[in-house]
N, C-alpha and C. Protein backbone atom coordinates (compact mmCIF):
# COMPACT_ATOMS: atom_id res chain seq x y z
N MET A 1 -51.98 46.45 -52.43
CA MET A 1 -51.47 45.83 -53.59
C MET A 1 -51.80 46.71 -54.79
N ARG A 2 -50.87 46.84 -55.61
CA ARG A 2 -51.02 47.73 -56.71
C ARG A 2 -51.06 46.95 -58.00
N ARG A 3 -51.94 47.32 -58.89
CA ARG A 3 -52.06 46.65 -60.19
C ARG A 3 -51.16 47.30 -61.20
N LEU A 4 -50.53 46.44 -61.97
CA LEU A 4 -49.72 46.97 -63.04
C LEU A 4 -50.59 47.21 -64.24
N ARG A 5 -50.35 48.25 -64.86
CA ARG A 5 -51.15 48.58 -66.01
C ARG A 5 -50.29 48.46 -67.25
N ILE A 6 -50.82 47.71 -68.21
CA ILE A 6 -50.10 47.54 -69.46
C ILE A 6 -50.67 48.55 -70.43
N PRO A 7 -49.79 49.36 -70.99
CA PRO A 7 -50.29 50.38 -71.90
C PRO A 7 -50.81 49.76 -73.20
N PRO A 8 -51.84 50.28 -73.81
CA PRO A 8 -52.38 49.73 -75.06
C PRO A 8 -51.37 49.88 -76.19
N ARG A 9 -51.50 49.03 -77.20
CA ARG A 9 -50.60 49.05 -78.35
C ARG A 9 -50.92 50.26 -79.23
N SER A 10 -49.86 50.68 -79.83
CA SER A 10 -50.06 51.81 -80.74
C SER A 10 -50.60 51.28 -82.06
N VAL A 11 -51.09 52.16 -82.88
CA VAL A 11 -51.65 51.79 -84.18
C VAL A 11 -50.57 51.16 -85.05
N ARG A 12 -49.39 51.71 -84.95
CA ARG A 12 -48.29 51.17 -85.74
C ARG A 12 -47.99 49.73 -85.34
N GLU A 13 -47.93 49.47 -84.04
CA GLU A 13 -47.69 48.12 -83.57
C GLU A 13 -48.80 47.18 -84.01
N GLN A 14 -50.04 47.67 -83.94
CA GLN A 14 -51.17 46.83 -84.32
C GLN A 14 -51.14 46.51 -85.81
N SER A 15 -50.78 47.45 -86.64
CA SER A 15 -50.75 47.19 -88.07
C SER A 15 -49.58 46.27 -88.43
N GLY A 16 -48.46 46.36 -87.74
CA GLY A 16 -47.32 45.46 -87.98
C GLY A 16 -47.67 44.03 -87.61
N HIS A 17 -48.42 43.90 -86.53
CA HIS A 17 -48.83 42.57 -86.09
C HIS A 17 -49.80 41.95 -87.09
N GLY A 18 -50.71 42.74 -87.63
CA GLY A 18 -51.66 42.26 -88.62
C GLY A 18 -50.97 41.87 -89.92
N ARG A 19 -49.95 42.64 -90.28
CA ARG A 19 -49.22 42.33 -91.50
C ARG A 19 -48.49 40.99 -91.35
N ARG A 20 -47.87 40.75 -90.22
CA ARG A 20 -47.18 39.46 -90.01
C ARG A 20 -48.16 38.30 -90.07
N ARG A 21 -49.33 38.47 -89.52
CA ARG A 21 -50.34 37.41 -89.58
C ARG A 21 -50.77 37.16 -91.01
N TRP A 22 -50.95 38.23 -91.78
CA TRP A 22 -51.36 38.09 -93.17
C TRP A 22 -50.28 37.37 -93.98
N ILE A 23 -49.00 37.70 -93.79
CA ILE A 23 -47.89 37.06 -94.51
C ILE A 23 -47.82 35.58 -94.13
N ALA A 24 -47.97 35.26 -92.85
CA ALA A 24 -47.92 33.86 -92.40
C ALA A 24 -49.06 33.07 -93.02
N SER A 25 -50.26 33.64 -93.08
CA SER A 25 -51.40 32.95 -93.68
C SER A 25 -51.18 32.73 -95.17
N ALA A 26 -50.67 33.73 -95.87
CA ALA A 26 -50.43 33.61 -97.31
C ALA A 26 -49.36 32.54 -97.58
N LEU A 27 -48.33 32.51 -96.78
CA LEU A 27 -47.26 31.53 -96.94
C LEU A 27 -47.80 30.11 -96.68
N ALA A 28 -48.65 29.96 -95.69
CA ALA A 28 -49.24 28.65 -95.41
C ALA A 28 -50.10 28.19 -96.57
N LEU A 29 -50.86 29.09 -97.20
CA LEU A 29 -51.68 28.72 -98.35
C LEU A 29 -50.82 28.31 -99.54
N VAL A 30 -49.74 29.03 -99.78
CA VAL A 30 -48.84 28.68 -100.89
C VAL A 30 -48.24 27.30 -100.66
N LEU A 31 -47.75 27.02 -99.46
CA LEU A 31 -47.16 25.71 -99.16
C LEU A 31 -48.20 24.60 -99.28
N ALA A 32 -49.39 24.83 -98.78
CA ALA A 32 -50.44 23.81 -98.88
C ALA A 32 -50.79 23.55 -100.34
N GLY A 33 -50.80 24.60 -101.16
CA GLY A 33 -51.12 24.43 -102.57
C GLY A 33 -50.06 23.62 -103.29
N THR A 34 -48.79 23.80 -102.94
CA THR A 34 -47.74 23.03 -103.61
C THR A 34 -47.78 21.57 -103.19
N VAL A 35 -48.14 21.33 -101.94
CA VAL A 35 -48.23 19.93 -101.48
C VAL A 35 -49.37 19.22 -102.20
N VAL A 36 -50.49 19.90 -102.34
CA VAL A 36 -51.63 19.30 -103.02
C VAL A 36 -51.35 19.14 -104.50
N ALA A 37 -50.59 20.05 -105.08
CA ALA A 37 -50.35 20.04 -106.52
C ALA A 37 -49.26 19.04 -106.93
N LEU A 38 -48.49 18.52 -106.00
CA LEU A 38 -47.45 17.56 -106.36
C LEU A 38 -48.08 16.27 -106.86
N PRO A 39 -47.54 15.71 -107.94
CA PRO A 39 -48.11 14.45 -108.44
C PRO A 39 -47.74 13.30 -107.49
N PRO A 40 -48.58 12.29 -107.42
CA PRO A 40 -48.25 11.16 -106.56
C PRO A 40 -47.07 10.38 -107.15
N PRO A 41 -46.35 9.65 -106.31
CA PRO A 41 -45.21 8.90 -106.86
C PRO A 41 -45.71 7.83 -107.83
N PRO A 42 -44.93 7.56 -108.87
CA PRO A 42 -45.37 6.56 -109.85
C PRO A 42 -45.38 5.16 -109.23
N SER A 43 -46.31 4.34 -109.65
CA SER A 43 -46.36 2.97 -109.14
C SER A 43 -45.30 2.15 -109.87
N THR A 44 -44.85 1.13 -109.20
CA THR A 44 -43.85 0.25 -109.81
C THR A 44 -44.41 -1.16 -109.84
N LEU A 45 -44.03 -1.89 -110.83
CA LEU A 45 -44.42 -3.28 -110.93
C LEU A 45 -43.16 -4.12 -110.85
N ALA A 46 -43.19 -5.12 -110.00
CA ALA A 46 -42.03 -6.01 -109.88
C ALA A 46 -42.27 -7.23 -110.75
N PHE A 47 -41.29 -7.58 -111.54
CA PHE A 47 -41.38 -8.77 -112.37
C PHE A 47 -40.55 -9.86 -111.71
N TRP A 48 -41.20 -10.97 -111.41
CA TRP A 48 -40.54 -12.06 -110.70
C TRP A 48 -40.18 -13.20 -111.64
N THR A 49 -40.04 -12.91 -112.88
CA THR A 49 -39.61 -13.92 -113.85
C THR A 49 -38.37 -13.40 -114.54
N ASP A 50 -37.66 -14.31 -115.12
CA ASP A 50 -36.44 -13.94 -115.80
C ASP A 50 -36.28 -14.84 -117.01
N SER A 51 -35.56 -14.38 -117.97
CA SER A 51 -35.41 -15.16 -119.20
C SER A 51 -34.18 -16.06 -119.16
N GLU A 52 -33.48 -16.14 -118.04
CA GLU A 52 -32.32 -17.00 -117.94
C GLU A 52 -32.75 -18.42 -117.60
N TYR A 53 -32.01 -19.37 -118.09
CA TYR A 53 -32.32 -20.77 -117.84
C TYR A 53 -31.08 -21.45 -117.30
N GLY A 54 -31.30 -22.48 -116.53
CA GLY A 54 -30.20 -23.27 -116.00
C GLY A 54 -30.50 -24.73 -116.19
N ASN A 55 -29.49 -25.54 -116.09
CA ASN A 55 -29.72 -26.97 -116.16
C ASN A 55 -28.74 -27.68 -115.24
N GLY A 56 -29.05 -28.87 -114.91
CA GLY A 56 -28.21 -29.66 -114.03
C GLY A 56 -28.70 -31.10 -114.10
N SER A 57 -28.04 -31.92 -113.36
CA SER A 57 -28.47 -33.31 -113.33
C SER A 57 -28.38 -33.83 -111.91
N LEU A 58 -29.25 -34.72 -111.61
CA LEU A 58 -29.26 -35.39 -110.32
C LEU A 58 -29.07 -36.87 -110.57
N GLN A 59 -28.41 -37.49 -109.67
CA GLN A 59 -28.21 -38.91 -109.82
C GLN A 59 -28.44 -39.56 -108.47
N ALA A 60 -29.28 -40.56 -108.45
CA ALA A 60 -29.53 -41.29 -107.22
C ALA A 60 -28.36 -42.23 -106.97
N GLY A 61 -28.06 -42.43 -105.74
CA GLY A 61 -26.97 -43.33 -105.39
C GLY A 61 -27.32 -44.12 -104.15
N THR A 62 -26.60 -45.18 -103.96
CA THR A 62 -26.82 -46.04 -102.81
C THR A 62 -25.48 -46.35 -102.17
N VAL A 63 -25.46 -46.30 -100.84
CA VAL A 63 -24.29 -46.77 -100.12
C VAL A 63 -24.56 -48.24 -99.82
N ASN A 64 -23.83 -49.11 -100.46
CA ASN A 64 -24.06 -50.54 -100.29
C ASN A 64 -23.51 -51.02 -98.94
N PRO A 65 -24.24 -51.93 -98.29
CA PRO A 65 -23.79 -52.44 -96.99
C PRO A 65 -22.69 -53.48 -97.15
N PRO A 66 -21.95 -53.73 -96.08
CA PRO A 66 -20.97 -54.81 -96.12
C PRO A 66 -21.69 -56.14 -96.34
N THR A 67 -21.01 -57.09 -96.95
CA THR A 67 -21.62 -58.40 -97.23
C THR A 67 -20.84 -59.50 -96.52
N ASN A 68 -21.47 -60.67 -96.46
CA ASN A 68 -20.84 -61.87 -95.93
C ASN A 68 -20.32 -61.68 -94.49
N LEU A 69 -21.16 -61.12 -93.61
CA LEU A 69 -20.77 -60.90 -92.21
C LEU A 69 -20.60 -62.26 -91.52
N GLN A 70 -19.49 -62.43 -90.86
CA GLN A 70 -19.19 -63.66 -90.11
C GLN A 70 -18.59 -63.28 -88.77
N CYS A 71 -18.60 -64.23 -87.83
CA CYS A 71 -17.98 -63.95 -86.55
C CYS A 71 -17.35 -65.21 -85.98
N SER A 72 -16.40 -64.99 -85.07
CA SER A 72 -15.78 -66.09 -84.35
C SER A 72 -15.49 -65.63 -82.93
N ALA A 73 -15.63 -66.53 -81.96
CA ALA A 73 -15.38 -66.24 -80.55
C ALA A 73 -15.17 -67.56 -79.84
N GLY A 74 -14.70 -67.50 -78.64
CA GLY A 74 -14.50 -68.75 -77.88
C GLY A 74 -13.90 -68.48 -76.53
N LEU A 75 -13.23 -69.48 -76.00
CA LEU A 75 -12.60 -69.41 -74.69
C LEU A 75 -11.41 -68.46 -74.77
N LEU A 76 -11.42 -67.41 -73.98
CA LEU A 76 -10.38 -66.38 -73.97
C LEU A 76 -10.19 -65.69 -75.32
N THR A 77 -11.18 -65.84 -76.22
CA THR A 77 -11.11 -65.21 -77.55
C THR A 77 -12.31 -64.29 -77.72
N PRO A 78 -12.11 -62.97 -77.54
CA PRO A 78 -13.23 -62.03 -77.72
C PRO A 78 -13.77 -62.13 -79.14
N PRO A 79 -15.03 -61.77 -79.33
CA PRO A 79 -15.66 -61.88 -80.65
C PRO A 79 -14.97 -61.02 -81.71
N THR A 80 -14.78 -61.61 -82.88
CA THR A 80 -14.24 -60.91 -84.04
C THR A 80 -15.25 -61.05 -85.17
N PHE A 81 -15.67 -59.92 -85.71
CA PHE A 81 -16.58 -59.91 -86.86
C PHE A 81 -15.75 -59.59 -88.10
N THR A 82 -16.01 -60.32 -89.18
CA THR A 82 -15.36 -60.07 -90.47
C THR A 82 -16.44 -59.90 -91.52
N TRP A 83 -16.12 -59.22 -92.60
CA TRP A 83 -17.07 -58.98 -93.68
C TRP A 83 -16.31 -58.74 -94.98
N ALA A 84 -17.04 -58.79 -96.07
CA ALA A 84 -16.49 -58.47 -97.38
C ALA A 84 -16.88 -57.02 -97.71
N LEU A 85 -15.98 -56.33 -98.39
CA LEU A 85 -16.27 -54.95 -98.77
C LEU A 85 -17.41 -54.91 -99.77
N PRO A 86 -18.27 -53.91 -99.67
CA PRO A 86 -19.37 -53.77 -100.62
C PRO A 86 -18.83 -53.53 -102.03
N VAL A 87 -19.57 -54.02 -103.00
CA VAL A 87 -19.20 -53.81 -104.40
C VAL A 87 -20.19 -52.82 -104.99
N GLY A 88 -19.68 -51.83 -105.73
CA GLY A 88 -20.54 -50.85 -106.38
C GLY A 88 -21.07 -49.83 -105.38
N GLY A 89 -22.03 -49.06 -105.84
CA GLY A 89 -22.62 -48.03 -104.99
C GLY A 89 -21.70 -46.82 -104.88
N LEU A 90 -22.07 -45.93 -104.00
CA LEU A 90 -21.28 -44.72 -103.78
C LEU A 90 -19.97 -45.06 -103.06
N THR A 91 -19.01 -44.20 -103.20
CA THR A 91 -17.72 -44.40 -102.56
C THR A 91 -17.86 -44.35 -101.05
N ARG A 92 -17.28 -45.33 -100.37
CA ARG A 92 -17.33 -45.38 -98.92
C ARG A 92 -16.28 -44.46 -98.32
N SER A 93 -16.63 -43.85 -97.19
CA SER A 93 -15.65 -43.09 -96.43
C SER A 93 -15.23 -43.85 -95.18
N GLY A 94 -15.88 -44.97 -94.90
CA GLY A 94 -15.54 -45.77 -93.73
C GLY A 94 -16.73 -46.59 -93.28
N PHE A 95 -16.61 -47.16 -92.08
CA PHE A 95 -17.67 -47.97 -91.48
C PHE A 95 -17.93 -47.47 -90.07
N THR A 96 -19.15 -47.66 -89.59
CA THR A 96 -19.51 -47.36 -88.21
C THR A 96 -20.05 -48.62 -87.58
N TRP A 97 -19.57 -48.95 -86.38
CA TRP A 97 -20.07 -50.11 -85.67
C TRP A 97 -20.55 -49.69 -84.30
N SER A 98 -21.49 -50.46 -83.75
CA SER A 98 -22.00 -50.16 -82.41
C SER A 98 -22.52 -51.42 -81.75
N LEU A 99 -22.58 -51.37 -80.42
CA LEU A 99 -23.19 -52.42 -79.61
C LEU A 99 -24.41 -51.82 -78.94
N THR A 100 -25.52 -52.48 -79.03
CA THR A 100 -26.74 -52.01 -78.36
C THR A 100 -27.36 -53.19 -77.62
N GLY A 101 -28.12 -52.87 -76.64
CA GLY A 101 -28.75 -53.91 -75.84
C GLY A 101 -28.12 -53.91 -74.46
N GLY A 102 -27.57 -55.05 -74.08
CA GLY A 102 -26.99 -55.18 -72.75
C GLY A 102 -25.71 -54.39 -72.56
N PHE A 103 -25.01 -54.03 -73.63
CA PHE A 103 -23.75 -53.29 -73.53
C PHE A 103 -23.83 -52.08 -74.46
N SER A 104 -22.89 -51.20 -74.32
CA SER A 104 -22.83 -50.08 -75.26
C SER A 104 -21.39 -49.83 -75.64
N GLY A 105 -21.19 -49.41 -76.83
CA GLY A 105 -19.86 -49.12 -77.34
C GLY A 105 -19.96 -48.92 -78.84
N GLY A 106 -18.87 -48.58 -79.44
CA GLY A 106 -18.87 -48.41 -80.89
C GLY A 106 -17.71 -47.56 -81.34
N GLY A 107 -17.67 -47.36 -82.64
CA GLY A 107 -16.60 -46.56 -83.20
C GLY A 107 -16.68 -46.52 -84.71
N THR A 108 -15.63 -45.99 -85.30
CA THR A 108 -15.56 -45.91 -86.76
C THR A 108 -14.31 -46.65 -87.24
N LEU A 109 -14.38 -47.10 -88.46
CA LEU A 109 -13.27 -47.83 -89.10
C LEU A 109 -13.02 -47.21 -90.47
N GLY A 110 -11.85 -47.46 -91.02
CA GLY A 110 -11.48 -46.93 -92.32
C GLY A 110 -12.27 -47.56 -93.46
N PRO A 111 -12.18 -47.01 -94.66
CA PRO A 111 -12.98 -47.49 -95.80
C PRO A 111 -12.57 -48.87 -96.32
N THR A 112 -11.38 -49.35 -95.94
CA THR A 112 -10.95 -50.67 -96.41
C THR A 112 -10.96 -51.72 -95.30
N ALA A 113 -11.48 -51.37 -94.13
CA ALA A 113 -11.50 -52.31 -92.99
C ALA A 113 -12.42 -53.49 -93.31
N THR A 114 -12.01 -54.69 -92.90
CA THR A 114 -12.82 -55.89 -93.12
C THR A 114 -12.97 -56.72 -91.86
N ALA A 115 -12.56 -56.17 -90.69
CA ALA A 115 -12.70 -56.93 -89.44
C ALA A 115 -12.65 -55.98 -88.25
N ILE A 116 -13.30 -56.41 -87.16
CA ILE A 116 -13.23 -55.71 -85.88
C ILE A 116 -13.32 -56.75 -84.78
N THR A 117 -12.45 -56.63 -83.79
CA THR A 117 -12.51 -57.47 -82.60
C THR A 117 -13.12 -56.62 -81.49
N ILE A 118 -14.21 -57.12 -80.90
CA ILE A 118 -14.88 -56.39 -79.83
C ILE A 118 -14.05 -56.56 -78.56
N PRO A 119 -13.56 -55.46 -77.99
CA PRO A 119 -12.76 -55.59 -76.78
C PRO A 119 -13.56 -56.24 -75.64
N GLY A 120 -12.94 -57.17 -74.95
CA GLY A 120 -13.61 -57.87 -73.86
C GLY A 120 -14.10 -56.92 -72.77
N ALA A 121 -13.42 -55.77 -72.61
CA ALA A 121 -13.82 -54.79 -71.59
C ALA A 121 -15.20 -54.21 -71.88
N LEU A 122 -15.65 -54.23 -73.13
CA LEU A 122 -16.98 -53.70 -73.47
C LEU A 122 -18.08 -54.71 -73.16
N LEU A 123 -17.70 -55.97 -72.96
CA LEU A 123 -18.69 -57.03 -72.78
C LEU A 123 -18.86 -57.36 -71.30
N ASP A 124 -20.02 -57.91 -71.00
CA ASP A 124 -20.33 -58.34 -69.65
C ASP A 124 -21.17 -59.60 -69.81
N LEU A 125 -21.49 -60.26 -68.73
CA LEU A 125 -22.35 -61.44 -68.84
C LEU A 125 -23.67 -61.03 -69.48
N GLY A 126 -24.08 -61.77 -70.49
CA GLY A 126 -25.29 -61.45 -71.22
C GLY A 126 -24.98 -61.27 -72.69
N SER A 127 -25.91 -60.65 -73.41
CA SER A 127 -25.71 -60.50 -74.85
C SER A 127 -26.12 -59.10 -75.31
N ALA A 128 -25.68 -58.77 -76.52
CA ALA A 128 -26.00 -57.48 -77.13
C ALA A 128 -26.06 -57.68 -78.63
N THR A 129 -26.46 -56.63 -79.33
CA THR A 129 -26.53 -56.67 -80.80
C THR A 129 -25.38 -55.85 -81.37
N PHE A 130 -24.65 -56.47 -82.29
CA PHE A 130 -23.58 -55.81 -83.03
C PHE A 130 -24.19 -55.25 -84.31
N ARG A 131 -23.93 -53.98 -84.61
CA ARG A 131 -24.46 -53.33 -85.82
C ARG A 131 -23.29 -52.73 -86.59
N LEU A 132 -23.33 -52.93 -87.91
CA LEU A 132 -22.27 -52.41 -88.78
C LEU A 132 -22.92 -51.80 -90.02
N SER A 133 -22.48 -50.58 -90.37
CA SER A 133 -22.98 -49.94 -91.59
C SER A 133 -21.83 -49.22 -92.28
N ALA A 134 -21.96 -49.10 -93.60
CA ALA A 134 -20.97 -48.37 -94.40
C ALA A 134 -21.38 -46.90 -94.47
N ASN A 135 -20.40 -46.01 -94.43
CA ASN A 135 -20.63 -44.57 -94.52
C ASN A 135 -20.27 -44.09 -95.92
N GLY A 136 -21.13 -43.23 -96.46
CA GLY A 136 -20.88 -42.69 -97.80
C GLY A 136 -20.75 -41.19 -97.75
N PRO A 137 -20.75 -40.54 -98.91
CA PRO A 137 -20.62 -39.08 -98.96
C PRO A 137 -21.86 -38.39 -98.41
N GLY A 138 -21.66 -37.19 -97.90
CA GLY A 138 -22.78 -36.37 -97.44
C GLY A 138 -23.50 -36.92 -96.22
N GLY A 139 -22.89 -37.81 -95.46
CA GLY A 139 -23.53 -38.35 -94.27
C GLY A 139 -24.47 -39.52 -94.54
N TRP A 140 -24.54 -39.98 -95.78
CA TRP A 140 -25.39 -41.12 -96.11
C TRP A 140 -24.78 -42.39 -95.55
N THR A 141 -25.64 -43.32 -95.13
CA THR A 141 -25.16 -44.60 -94.62
C THR A 141 -25.93 -45.73 -95.28
N SER A 142 -25.34 -46.90 -95.22
CA SER A 142 -25.99 -48.09 -95.77
C SER A 142 -26.96 -48.66 -94.74
N THR A 143 -27.69 -49.66 -95.17
CA THR A 143 -28.49 -50.40 -94.20
C THR A 143 -27.53 -51.15 -93.29
N GLU A 144 -27.98 -51.48 -92.11
CA GLU A 144 -27.11 -52.15 -91.15
C GLU A 144 -27.11 -53.66 -91.35
N VAL A 145 -25.97 -54.27 -91.09
CA VAL A 145 -25.90 -55.72 -90.95
C VAL A 145 -25.69 -55.97 -89.45
N THR A 146 -26.29 -57.02 -88.93
CA THR A 146 -26.27 -57.22 -87.49
C THR A 146 -25.81 -58.63 -87.12
N GLY A 147 -25.40 -58.75 -85.89
CA GLY A 147 -25.04 -60.03 -85.30
C GLY A 147 -25.25 -59.94 -83.80
N SER A 148 -25.16 -61.07 -83.12
CA SER A 148 -25.27 -61.10 -81.66
C SER A 148 -23.90 -61.35 -81.07
N VAL A 149 -23.67 -60.80 -79.92
CA VAL A 149 -22.38 -60.94 -79.26
C VAL A 149 -22.61 -60.95 -77.75
N GLY A 150 -21.75 -61.65 -77.02
CA GLY A 150 -21.90 -61.65 -75.58
C GLY A 150 -20.85 -62.48 -74.89
N MET A 151 -21.11 -62.69 -73.60
CA MET A 151 -20.18 -63.43 -72.77
C MET A 151 -20.98 -64.36 -71.86
N LEU A 152 -20.59 -65.64 -71.82
CA LEU A 152 -21.25 -66.62 -70.96
C LEU A 152 -20.62 -66.64 -69.58
N THR A 153 -19.31 -66.59 -69.51
CA THR A 153 -18.57 -66.50 -68.26
C THR A 153 -17.50 -65.44 -68.47
N ALA A 154 -16.70 -65.18 -67.49
CA ALA A 154 -15.67 -64.14 -67.60
C ALA A 154 -14.63 -64.45 -68.66
N VAL A 155 -14.59 -65.70 -69.15
CA VAL A 155 -13.57 -66.07 -70.13
C VAL A 155 -14.15 -66.70 -71.38
N LEU A 156 -15.46 -66.91 -71.42
CA LEU A 156 -16.09 -67.59 -72.57
C LEU A 156 -17.01 -66.62 -73.31
N TYR A 157 -16.61 -66.26 -74.53
CA TYR A 157 -17.35 -65.32 -75.36
C TYR A 157 -18.12 -66.08 -76.44
N PHE A 158 -19.17 -65.43 -76.97
CA PHE A 158 -19.91 -66.05 -78.08
C PHE A 158 -20.35 -64.95 -79.05
N CYS A 159 -20.66 -65.36 -80.28
CA CYS A 159 -21.22 -64.46 -81.27
C CYS A 159 -21.96 -65.29 -82.30
N SER A 160 -22.87 -64.65 -83.00
CA SER A 160 -23.60 -65.31 -84.08
C SER A 160 -24.08 -64.28 -85.07
N VAL A 161 -24.32 -64.75 -86.29
CA VAL A 161 -24.80 -63.87 -87.37
C VAL A 161 -26.05 -64.56 -87.93
N PRO A 162 -27.15 -63.81 -88.08
CA PRO A 162 -28.35 -64.45 -88.60
C PRO A 162 -28.20 -64.93 -90.04
């Protein structure tokens, strides 16, 4: 096996290499000096107040419930609930009614409705609670008025209002 011999560098090559190292070192010092000499960025203050003013008004409102709830039912006569339209309060968009307890059902009525007949198909032997409320703007509703409704036999219905 034979060893390769690398010839030594000439003086000219050695001095050129030293010069490049000296230039690189000087350039690094100049760059480092400029980085250190740069002023820091100015601080900023945020102001979270403003000189503008606004005004407005709020008004409380109430969706009034239906009044004078009454009902009628009998032999072959499914329950019918009637009521008087609320007076005053916010403008109604309609009414919502529901049956809870032994039966379930319900629906919505127009803003001038004053009666609903509970379909006999929704009723079964037993009783349930009828609930009625007025609907107002923005999803607001009135307090509920309630009554009882049911069926004694397949043809005899009943209802009552407290």
